N, C-alpha and C. Protein backbone atom coordinates (compact mmCIF):
# COMPACT_ATOMS: atom_id res chain seq x y z
N UNK A 1 -5.93 -8.82 14.90
CA UNK A 1 -5.89 -8.76 13.45
C UNK A 1 -6.63 -9.99 12.91
N UNK A 2 -7.62 -9.75 12.08
CA UNK A 2 -8.39 -10.86 11.54
C UNK A 2 -7.84 -11.31 10.18
N UNK A 3 -8.49 -12.30 9.60
CA UNK A 3 -8.02 -12.87 8.34
C UNK A 3 -8.01 -11.85 7.21
N UNK A 4 -9.04 -11.01 7.17
CA UNK A 4 -9.13 -10.01 6.10
C UNK A 4 -7.94 -9.05 6.16
N UNK A 5 -7.59 -8.59 7.35
CA UNK A 5 -6.47 -7.66 7.49
C UNK A 5 -5.16 -8.33 7.12
N UNK A 6 -4.97 -9.56 7.54
CA UNK A 6 -3.75 -10.29 7.20
C UNK A 6 -3.62 -10.46 5.69
N UNK A 7 -4.73 -10.81 5.04
CA UNK A 7 -4.72 -10.99 3.59
C UNK A 7 -4.43 -9.67 2.90
N UNK A 8 -5.04 -8.57 3.38
CA UNK A 8 -4.82 -7.25 2.78
C UNK A 8 -3.35 -6.84 2.92
N UNK A 9 -2.75 -7.12 4.07
CA UNK A 9 -1.33 -6.81 4.27
C UNK A 9 -0.48 -7.60 3.28
N UNK A 10 -0.81 -8.87 3.10
CA UNK A 10 -0.06 -9.72 2.17
C UNK A 10 -0.18 -9.18 0.74
N UNK A 11 -1.39 -8.80 0.35
CA UNK A 11 -1.62 -8.27 -0.99
C UNK A 11 -0.85 -6.95 -1.18
N UNK A 12 -0.88 -6.10 -0.16
CA UNK A 12 -0.16 -4.82 -0.25
C UNK A 12 1.34 -5.03 -0.36
N UNK A 13 1.88 -5.99 0.36
CA UNK A 13 3.31 -6.26 0.27
C UNK A 13 3.69 -6.73 -1.13
N UNK A 14 2.84 -7.54 -1.73
CA UNK A 14 3.10 -8.00 -3.10
C UNK A 14 3.01 -6.82 -4.07
N UNK A 15 2.02 -5.95 -3.86
CA UNK A 15 1.85 -4.79 -4.72
C UNK A 15 3.05 -3.85 -4.61
N UNK A 16 3.55 -3.67 -3.40
CA UNK A 16 4.71 -2.80 -3.19
C UNK A 16 5.93 -3.36 -3.90
N UNK A 17 6.13 -4.66 -3.81
CA UNK A 17 7.27 -5.28 -4.49
C UNK A 17 7.17 -5.09 -6.00
N UNK A 18 5.97 -5.27 -6.54
CA UNK A 18 5.75 -5.11 -7.98
C UNK A 18 5.98 -3.66 -8.39
N UNK A 19 5.47 -2.72 -7.60
CA UNK A 19 5.63 -1.31 -7.93
C UNK A 19 7.10 -0.87 -7.86
N UNK A 20 7.85 -1.43 -6.92
CA UNK A 20 9.26 -1.09 -6.82
C UNK A 20 10.02 -1.56 -8.06
N UNK A 21 9.65 -2.73 -8.57
CA UNK A 21 10.28 -3.22 -9.80
C UNK A 21 9.91 -2.34 -10.98
N UNK A 22 8.64 -1.95 -11.05
CA UNK A 22 8.20 -1.08 -12.14
C UNK A 22 8.91 0.27 -12.07
N UNK A 23 9.07 0.79 -10.86
CA UNK A 23 9.73 2.08 -10.69
C UNK A 23 11.19 2.01 -11.13
N UNK A 24 11.86 0.94 -10.77
CA UNK A 24 13.25 0.77 -11.19
C UNK A 24 13.34 0.70 -12.71
N UNK A 25 12.43 -0.02 -13.33
CA UNK A 25 12.42 -0.12 -14.79
C UNK A 25 12.10 1.21 -15.45
N UNK A 26 11.16 1.94 -14.88
CA UNK A 26 10.78 3.24 -15.44
C UNK A 26 11.92 4.25 -15.32
N UNK A 27 12.70 4.14 -14.26
CA UNK A 27 13.84 5.06 -14.09
C UNK A 27 14.97 4.72 -15.07
N UNK A 28 15.16 3.43 -15.34
CA UNK A 28 16.22 3.02 -16.27
C UNK A 28 15.87 3.39 -17.70
N UNK A 29 14.59 3.25 -18.05
CA UNK A 29 14.16 3.49 -19.42
C UNK A 29 12.95 4.44 -19.39
N UNK A 30 13.21 5.73 -19.33
CA UNK A 30 12.11 6.70 -19.19
C UNK A 30 11.38 6.96 -20.51
N UNK A 31 10.53 6.02 -20.92
CA UNK A 31 9.75 6.18 -22.14
C UNK A 31 8.69 7.26 -21.96
N UNK A 32 7.98 7.19 -20.84
CA UNK A 32 6.93 8.14 -20.55
C UNK A 32 7.31 8.90 -19.28
N UNK A 33 7.53 10.20 -19.35
CA UNK A 33 7.96 10.96 -18.17
C UNK A 33 6.94 10.96 -17.04
N UNK A 34 5.68 10.67 -17.33
CA UNK A 34 4.65 10.66 -16.29
C UNK A 34 4.63 9.35 -15.49
N UNK A 35 5.34 8.33 -15.97
CA UNK A 35 5.33 7.04 -15.29
C UNK A 35 5.95 7.09 -13.90
N UNK A 36 7.12 7.70 -13.78
CA UNK A 36 7.83 7.70 -12.50
C UNK A 36 7.01 8.37 -11.40
N UNK A 37 6.49 9.58 -11.60
CA UNK A 37 5.69 10.18 -10.52
C UNK A 37 4.42 9.38 -10.21
N UNK A 38 3.80 8.78 -11.22
CA UNK A 38 2.58 8.00 -11.00
C UNK A 38 2.89 6.77 -10.14
N UNK A 39 3.97 6.09 -10.47
CA UNK A 39 4.35 4.89 -9.73
C UNK A 39 4.75 5.26 -8.30
N UNK A 40 5.49 6.37 -8.15
CA UNK A 40 5.87 6.82 -6.81
C UNK A 40 4.64 7.14 -5.97
N UNK A 41 3.63 7.74 -6.59
CA UNK A 41 2.40 8.08 -5.87
C UNK A 41 1.67 6.81 -5.42
N UNK A 42 1.57 5.82 -6.32
CA UNK A 42 0.93 4.56 -5.98
C UNK A 42 1.70 3.85 -4.86
N UNK A 43 3.01 3.90 -4.94
CA UNK A 43 3.86 3.26 -3.94
C UNK A 43 3.67 3.92 -2.57
N UNK A 44 3.61 5.24 -2.55
CA UNK A 44 3.40 5.96 -1.29
C UNK A 44 2.04 5.62 -0.69
N UNK A 45 1.03 5.52 -1.54
CA UNK A 45 -0.31 5.18 -1.05
C UNK A 45 -0.34 3.77 -0.48
N UNK A 46 0.33 2.85 -1.13
CA UNK A 46 0.37 1.46 -0.64
C UNK A 46 1.11 1.39 0.69
N UNK A 47 2.22 2.13 0.81
CA UNK A 47 2.96 2.16 2.08
C UNK A 47 2.11 2.76 3.19
N UNK A 48 1.36 3.81 2.88
CA UNK A 48 0.52 4.46 3.88
C UNK A 48 -0.58 3.51 4.36
N UNK A 49 -1.20 2.81 3.43
CA UNK A 49 -2.26 1.87 3.81
C UNK A 49 -1.69 0.72 4.63
N UNK A 50 -0.51 0.26 4.25
CA UNK A 50 0.13 -0.83 4.97
C UNK A 50 0.45 -0.42 6.40
N UNK A 51 0.99 0.78 6.58
CA UNK A 51 1.31 1.22 7.93
C UNK A 51 0.04 1.42 8.77
N UNK A 52 -1.03 1.88 8.14
CA UNK A 52 -2.30 2.03 8.84
C UNK A 52 -2.82 0.67 9.31
N UNK A 53 -2.73 -0.33 8.45
CA UNK A 53 -3.20 -1.67 8.82
C UNK A 53 -2.36 -2.29 9.93
N UNK A 54 -1.06 -2.04 9.87
CA UNK A 54 -0.18 -2.62 10.88
C UNK A 54 -0.37 -1.98 12.25
N UNK A 55 -0.79 -0.72 12.29
CA UNK A 55 -1.01 -0.04 13.56
C UNK A 55 -2.26 -0.56 14.27
N UNK A 56 -3.27 -0.96 13.50
CA UNK A 56 -4.52 -1.40 14.12
C UNK A 56 -4.51 -2.85 14.52
């Protein structure tokens, strides 16, 4: 694993933490019904990329 991959993993972990907070907030206060599915989709994509990076 090189520096770029390590940095990308770090960035993805931060993004996942941020998205989880946004998702919790969107579920508590559903102003826009499209927010929850959009955030869940972004979160799934970030998890998928993270697992791909960790495998290589």
